[in-house]
Amino acid sequence: MGDSKLTAGIIPSEFHNRLNGRVYSHNLALPALPLAPRYFMLKDYLKRNKPPKYIIMSLIPGNFSHHLFPAYCTLGANLSEVARYSYLADNSEILWNYLHPLGSFWPNIKKCCLIQALSFLPPALRESHKKAFLQGIVSKETYNHDWEYIYNSEYASAE
């Protein structure tokens, strides 16, 4: 469980092969996944399944300061948990995001509107948008991603 480093780093089939089939594993890591959602994923898993023998997690100190933490820590949390996060992180935005959930999803709402607007544009303008997106994102990447697939799945055919 962890962020994109673990998504790319732990390959269950390779893990099984190296341990001669003595283990069965899943990679539950997701890009930019801070600690709080991992906690809730594990909590939900344990409600429905027997505890695993081992859990491999990336623990990064200072996740309270991660720019996505105020939005992600509220997912699946109850008010008491959110209040503790808000207090420990000294960040009232966390409590606000819990009480006003659409606020933390505003970037996604804007993206949805952009997707709809792009669908009305002529193909040449849509291609220009795609090219600008790919050039901008590839120049910032740390790990190789299939950005064309990501663009197509998020903008060209998000449904």
C-alpha atoms as a PDB file:
ATOM      1  CA  MET A   1       0.000   0.000   0.000  1.00  0.00           C
ATOM      2  CA  GLY A   2       1.406   3.353  -0.928  1.00  0.00           C
ATOM      3  CA  ASP A   3       1.987   5.894  -3.634  1.00  0.00           C
ATOM      4  CA  SER A   4       3.194   5.600  -7.238  1.00  0.00           C
ATOM      5  CA  LYS A   5       6.658   4.463  -6.138  1.00  0.00           C
ATOM      6  CA  LEU A   6       5.104   1.300  -4.700  1.00  0.00           C
ATOM      7  CA  THR A   7       2.716   1.011  -7.646  1.00  0.00           C
ATOM      8  CA  ALA A   8       5.755   0.734  -9.900  1.00  0.00           C
ATOM      9  CA  GLY A   9       7.995  -1.072  -7.414  1.00  0.00           C
ATOM     10  CA  ILE A  10       5.990  -4.053  -6.180  1.00  0.00           C
ATOM     11  CA  ILE A  11       4.864  -6.408  -8.928  1.00  0.00           C
ATOM     12  CA  PRO A  12       2.760  -9.188  -7.337  1.00  0.00           C
ATOM     13  CA  SER A  13       3.602 -11.842  -9.948  1.00  0.00           C
ATOM     14  CA  GLU A  14       7.331 -11.184  -9.504  1.00  0.00           C
ATOM     15  CA  PHE A  15       6.865 -11.219  -5.735  1.00  0.00           C
ATOM     16  CA  HIS A  16       5.116 -14.621  -5.970  1.00  0.00           C
ATOM     17  CA  ASN A  17       7.798 -16.056  -8.282  1.00  0.00           C
ATOM     18  CA  ARG A  18      10.681 -14.923  -6.083  1.00  0.00           C
ATOM     19  CA  LEU A  19       9.051 -16.505  -3.041  1.00  0.00           C
ATOM     20  CA  ASN A  20       8.261 -19.740  -4.900  1.00  0.00           C
ATOM     21  CA  GLY A  21       4.504 -19.284  -4.642  1.00  0.00           C
ATOM     22  CA  ARG A  22       4.533 -19.240  -0.828  1.00  0.00           C
ATOM     23  CA  VAL A  23       2.661 -15.927  -0.778  1.00  0.00           C
ATOM     24  CA  TYR A  24      -0.331 -14.370  -2.433  1.00  0.00           C
ATOM     25  CA  SER A  25      -0.190 -10.613  -2.759  1.00  0.00           C
ATOM     26  CA  HIS A  26      -1.994  -7.579  -4.150  1.00  0.00           C
ATOM     27  CA  ASN A  27      -0.545  -4.188  -4.977  1.00  0.00           C
ATOM     28  CA  LEU A  28      -3.041  -1.671  -3.607  1.00  0.00           C
ATOM     29  CA  ALA A  29      -0.827   1.348  -4.229  1.00  0.00           C
ATOM     30  CA  LEU A  30      -2.164   4.322  -6.170  1.00  0.00           C
ATOM     31  CA  PRO A  31      -0.477   7.453  -7.524  1.00  0.00           C
ATOM     32  CA  ALA A  32      -0.192  10.240  -4.924  1.00  0.00           C
ATOM     33  CA  LEU A  33      -1.874   8.140  -2.235  1.00  0.00           C
ATOM     34  CA  PRO A  34      -1.092   9.604   1.203  1.00  0.00           C
ATOM     35  CA  LEU A  35      -1.315   7.623   4.408  1.00  0.00           C
ATOM     36  CA  ALA A  36      -4.924   8.383   5.416  1.00  0.00           C
ATOM     37  CA  PRO A  37      -6.660   6.603   2.522  1.00  0.00           C
ATOM     38  CA  ARG A  38      -4.345   3.615   3.039  1.00  0.00           C
ATOM     39  CA  TYR A  39      -5.602   3.432   6.602  1.00  0.00           C
ATOM     40  CA  PHE A  40      -9.240   3.432   5.457  1.00  0.00           C
ATOM     41  CA  MET A  41      -8.555   0.875   2.704  1.00  0.00           C
ATOM     42  CA  LEU A  42      -6.947  -1.405   5.275  1.00  0.00           C
ATOM     43  CA  LYS A  43      -9.753  -0.790   7.761  1.00  0.00           C
ATOM     44  CA  ASP A  44     -12.364  -1.742   5.124  1.00  0.00           C
ATOM     45  CA  TYR A  45     -10.343  -4.784   4.064  1.00  0.00           C
ATOM     46  CA  LEU A  46     -10.077  -6.065   7.646  1.00  0.00           C
ATOM     47  CA  LYS A  47     -13.853  -5.730   8.144  1.00  0.00           C
ATOM     48  CA  ARG A  48     -14.403  -8.258   5.346  1.00  0.00           C
ATOM     49  CA  ASN A  49     -11.288 -10.466   5.357  1.00  0.00           C
ATOM     50  CA  LYS A  50      -8.898 -12.157   7.727  1.00  0.00           C
ATOM     51  CA  PRO A  51      -5.776 -10.110   8.512  1.00  0.00           C
ATOM     52  CA  PRO A  52      -2.838 -10.595   6.156  1.00  0.00           C
ATOM     53  CA  LYS A  53       0.425 -11.875   7.594  1.00  0.00           C
ATOM     54  CA  TYR A  54       2.385  -8.935   6.181  1.00  0.00           C
ATOM     55  CA  ILE A  55       1.626  -5.471   4.913  1.00  0.00           C
ATOM     56  CA  ILE A  56       4.235  -3.514   2.986  1.00  0.00           C
ATOM     57  CA  MET A  57       3.577   0.210   3.213  1.00  0.00           C
ATOM     58  CA  SER A  58       5.619   3.233   2.372  1.00  0.00           C
ATOM     59  CA  LEU A  59       5.590   5.544   5.359  1.00  0.00           C
ATOM     60  CA  ILE A  60       6.727   9.050   4.602  1.00  0.00           C
ATOM     61  CA  PRO A  61       7.131  11.353   7.601  1.00  0.00           C
ATOM     62  CA  GLY A  62       5.418  14.692   7.256  1.00  0.00           C
ATOM     63  CA  ASN A  63       2.468  13.543   5.150  1.00  0.00           C
ATOM     64  CA  PHE A  64       0.396  16.220   6.896  1.00  0.00           C
ATOM     65  CA  SER A  65       2.234  18.741   4.741  1.00  0.00           C
ATOM     66  CA  HIS A  66       1.560  16.852   1.482  1.00  0.00           C
ATOM     67  CA  HIS A  67      -0.512  19.137  -0.766  1.00  0.00           C
ATOM     68  CA  LEU A  68      -3.169  16.437  -1.314  1.00  0.00           C
ATOM     69  CA  PHE A  69      -3.515  15.502   2.362  1.00  0.00           C
ATOM     70  CA  PRO A  70      -6.323  17.984   3.243  1.00  0.00           C
ATOM     71  CA  ALA A  71      -8.587  16.467   0.570  1.00  0.00           C
ATOM     72  CA  TYR A  72      -7.560  12.813   0.787  1.00  0.00           C
ATOM     73  CA  CYS A  73      -7.593  12.439   4.551  1.00  0.00           C
ATOM     74  CA  THR A  74     -11.351  13.015   4.650  1.00  0.00           C
ATOM     75  CA  LEU A  75     -12.169  10.108   2.307  1.00  0.00           C
ATOM     76  CA  GLY A  76     -13.850   7.411   4.366  1.00  0.00           C
ATOM     77  CA  ALA A  77     -13.183   9.231   7.631  1.00  0.00           C
ATOM     78  CA  ASN A  78     -15.742  10.109  10.274  1.00  0.00           C
ATOM     79  CA  LEU A  79     -15.980  13.517  11.932  1.00  0.00           C
ATOM     80  CA  SER A  80     -13.893  12.469  14.938  1.00  0.00           C
ATOM     81  CA  GLU A  81     -11.038  11.247  12.723  1.00  0.00           C
ATOM     82  CA  VAL A  82     -11.182  14.380  10.587  1.00  0.00           C
ATOM     83  CA  ALA A  83     -11.125  16.595  13.678  1.00  0.00           C
ATOM     84  CA  ARG A  84      -7.979  14.806  14.893  1.00  0.00           C
ATOM     85  CA  TYR A  85      -6.302  15.175  11.495  1.00  0.00           C
ATOM     86  CA  SER A  86      -7.210  18.849  11.409  1.00  0.00           C
ATOM     87  CA  TYR A  87      -5.803  19.365  14.912  1.00  0.00           C
ATOM     88  CA  LEU A  88      -2.608  17.342  14.366  1.00  0.00           C
ATOM     89  CA  ALA A  89      -1.906  18.968  10.998  1.00  0.00           C
ATOM     90  CA  ASP A  90      -2.876  22.396  12.380  1.00  0.00           C
ATOM     91  CA  ASN A  91      -4.940  22.846   9.237  1.00  0.00           C
ATOM     92  CA  SER A  92      -8.584  23.956   9.329  1.00  0.00           C
ATOM     93  CA  GLU A  93      -8.880  23.253   5.575  1.00  0.00           C
ATOM     94  CA  ILE A  94      -9.171  19.556   6.477  1.00  0.00           C
ATOM     95  CA  LEU A  95     -12.295  20.144   8.563  1.00  0.00           C
ATOM     96  CA  TRP A  96     -13.685  22.457   5.871  1.00  0.00           C
ATOM     97  CA  ASN A  97     -13.155  19.768   3.200  1.00  0.00           C
ATOM     98  CA  TYR A  98     -15.085  17.294   5.330  1.00  0.00           C
ATOM     99  CA  LEU A  99     -17.982  19.681   5.937  1.00  0.00           C
ATOM    100  CA  HIS A 100     -17.960  21.001   2.345  1.00  0.00           C
ATOM    101  CA  PRO A 101     -16.842  17.999   0.237  1.00  0.00           C
ATOM    102  CA  LEU A 102     -17.422  19.566  -3.179  1.00  0.00           C
ATOM    103  CA  GLY A 103     -14.690  22.087  -2.405  1.00  0.00           C
ATOM    104  CA  SER A 104     -11.963  19.451  -2.458  1.00  0.00           C
ATOM    105  CA  PHE A 105     -13.306  18.105  -5.750  1.00  0.00           C
ATOM    106  CA  TRP A 106     -13.381  21.503  -7.461  1.00  0.00           C
ATOM    107  CA  PRO A 107     -10.374  20.632  -9.700  1.00  0.00           C
ATOM    108  CA  ASN A 108     -12.258  17.535 -10.896  1.00  0.00           C
ATOM    109  CA  ILE A 109     -15.422  19.558 -11.513  1.00  0.00           C
ATOM    110  CA  LYS A 110     -13.411  22.039 -13.622  1.00  0.00           C
ATOM    111  CA  LYS A 111     -11.847  19.128 -15.530  1.00  0.00           C
ATOM    112  CA  CYS A 112     -15.284  17.671 -16.241  1.00  0.00           C
ATOM    113  CA  CYS A 113     -16.414  21.015 -17.678  1.00  0.00           C
ATOM    114  CA  LEU A 114     -13.234  21.205 -19.766  1.00  0.00           C
ATOM    115  CA  ILE A 115     -13.844  17.697 -21.116  1.00  0.00           C
ATOM    116  CA  GLN A 116     -17.328  18.712 -22.205  1.00  0.00           C
ATOM    117  CA  ALA A 117     -16.013  21.904 -23.828  1.00  0.00           C
ATOM    118  CA  LEU A 118     -13.271  19.979 -25.653  1.00  0.00           C
ATOM    119  CA  SER A 119     -15.833  17.609 -27.133  1.00  0.00           C
ATOM    120  CA  PHE A 120     -17.379  20.525 -29.053  1.00  0.00           C
ATOM    121  CA  LEU A 121     -14.082  21.746 -30.527  1.00  0.00           C
ATOM    122  CA  PRO A 122     -12.855  20.857 -34.009  1.00  0.00           C
ATOM    123  CA  PRO A 123     -10.376  17.947 -34.131  1.00  0.00           C
ATOM    124  CA  ALA A 124      -7.390  20.235 -34.815  1.00  0.00           C
ATOM    125  CA  LEU A 125      -8.006  22.234 -31.610  1.00  0.00           C
ATOM    126  CA  ARG A 126      -8.506  19.057 -29.579  1.00  0.00           C
ATOM    127  CA  GLU A 127      -5.195  17.749 -30.961  1.00  0.00           C
ATOM    128  CA  SER A 128      -3.527  21.042 -30.016  1.00  0.00           C
ATOM    129  CA  HIS A 129      -4.818  20.692 -26.437  1.00  0.00           C
ATOM    130  CA  LYS A 130      -3.526  17.110 -26.289  1.00  0.00           C
ATOM    131  CA  LYS A 131      -0.091  18.149 -27.572  1.00  0.00           C
ATOM    132  CA  ALA A 132       0.172  20.963 -25.004  1.00  0.00           C
ATOM    133  CA  PHE A 133      -0.871  18.595 -22.205  1.00  0.00           C
ATOM    134  CA  LEU A 134       1.667  15.931 -23.206  1.00  0.00           C
ATOM    135  CA  GLN A 135       4.549  18.389 -23.585  1.00  0.00           C
ATOM    136  CA  GLY A 136       3.808  19.993 -20.216  1.00  0.00           C
ATOM    137  CA  ILE A 137       3.394  16.812 -18.217  1.00  0.00           C
ATOM    138  CA  VAL A 138       6.263  14.787 -19.701  1.00  0.00           C
ATOM    139  CA  SER A 139       8.729  17.553 -18.843  1.00  0.00           C
ATOM    140  CA  LYS A 140       7.748  17.247 -15.144  1.00  0.00           C
ATOM    141  CA  GLU A 141       7.595  13.472 -14.737  1.00  0.00           C
ATOM    142  CA  THR A 142       9.848  11.526 -12.411  1.00  0.00           C
ATOM    143  CA  TYR A 143       8.732   8.047 -13.439  1.00  0.00           C
ATOM    144  CA  ASN A 144       7.705   6.993 -16.927  1.00  0.00           C
ATOM    145  CA  HIS A 145       3.954   6.927 -17.411  1.00  0.00           C
ATOM    146  CA  ASP A 146       1.823   6.299 -20.463  1.00  0.00           C
ATOM    147  CA  TRP A 147       0.659   9.913 -20.609  1.00  0.00           C
ATOM    148  CA  GLU A 148      -1.095   9.490 -23.954  1.00  0.00           C
ATOM    149  CA  TYR A 149      -3.271   6.760 -22.442  1.00  0.00           C
ATOM    150  CA  ILE A 150      -3.888   8.916 -19.376  1.00  0.00           C
ATOM    151  CA  TYR A 151      -4.844  11.892 -21.555  1.00  0.00           C
ATOM    152  CA  ASN A 152      -7.206   9.766 -23.637  1.00  0.00           C
ATOM    153  CA  SER A 153      -8.821   8.227 -20.562  1.00  0.00           C
ATOM    154  CA  GLU A 154      -9.241  11.574 -18.809  1.00  0.00           C
ATOM    155  CA  TYR A 155     -10.013  13.967 -21.655  1.00  0.00           C
ATOM    156  CA  ALA A 156     -10.800  12.189 -24.916  1.00  0.00           C
ATOM    157  CA  SER A 157     -13.075   9.431 -23.591  1.00  0.00           C
ATOM    158  CA  ALA A 158     -13.468   9.956 -19.886  1.00  0.00           C
ATOM    159  CA  GLU A 159     -16.657   7.915 -19.755  1.00  0.00           C
END
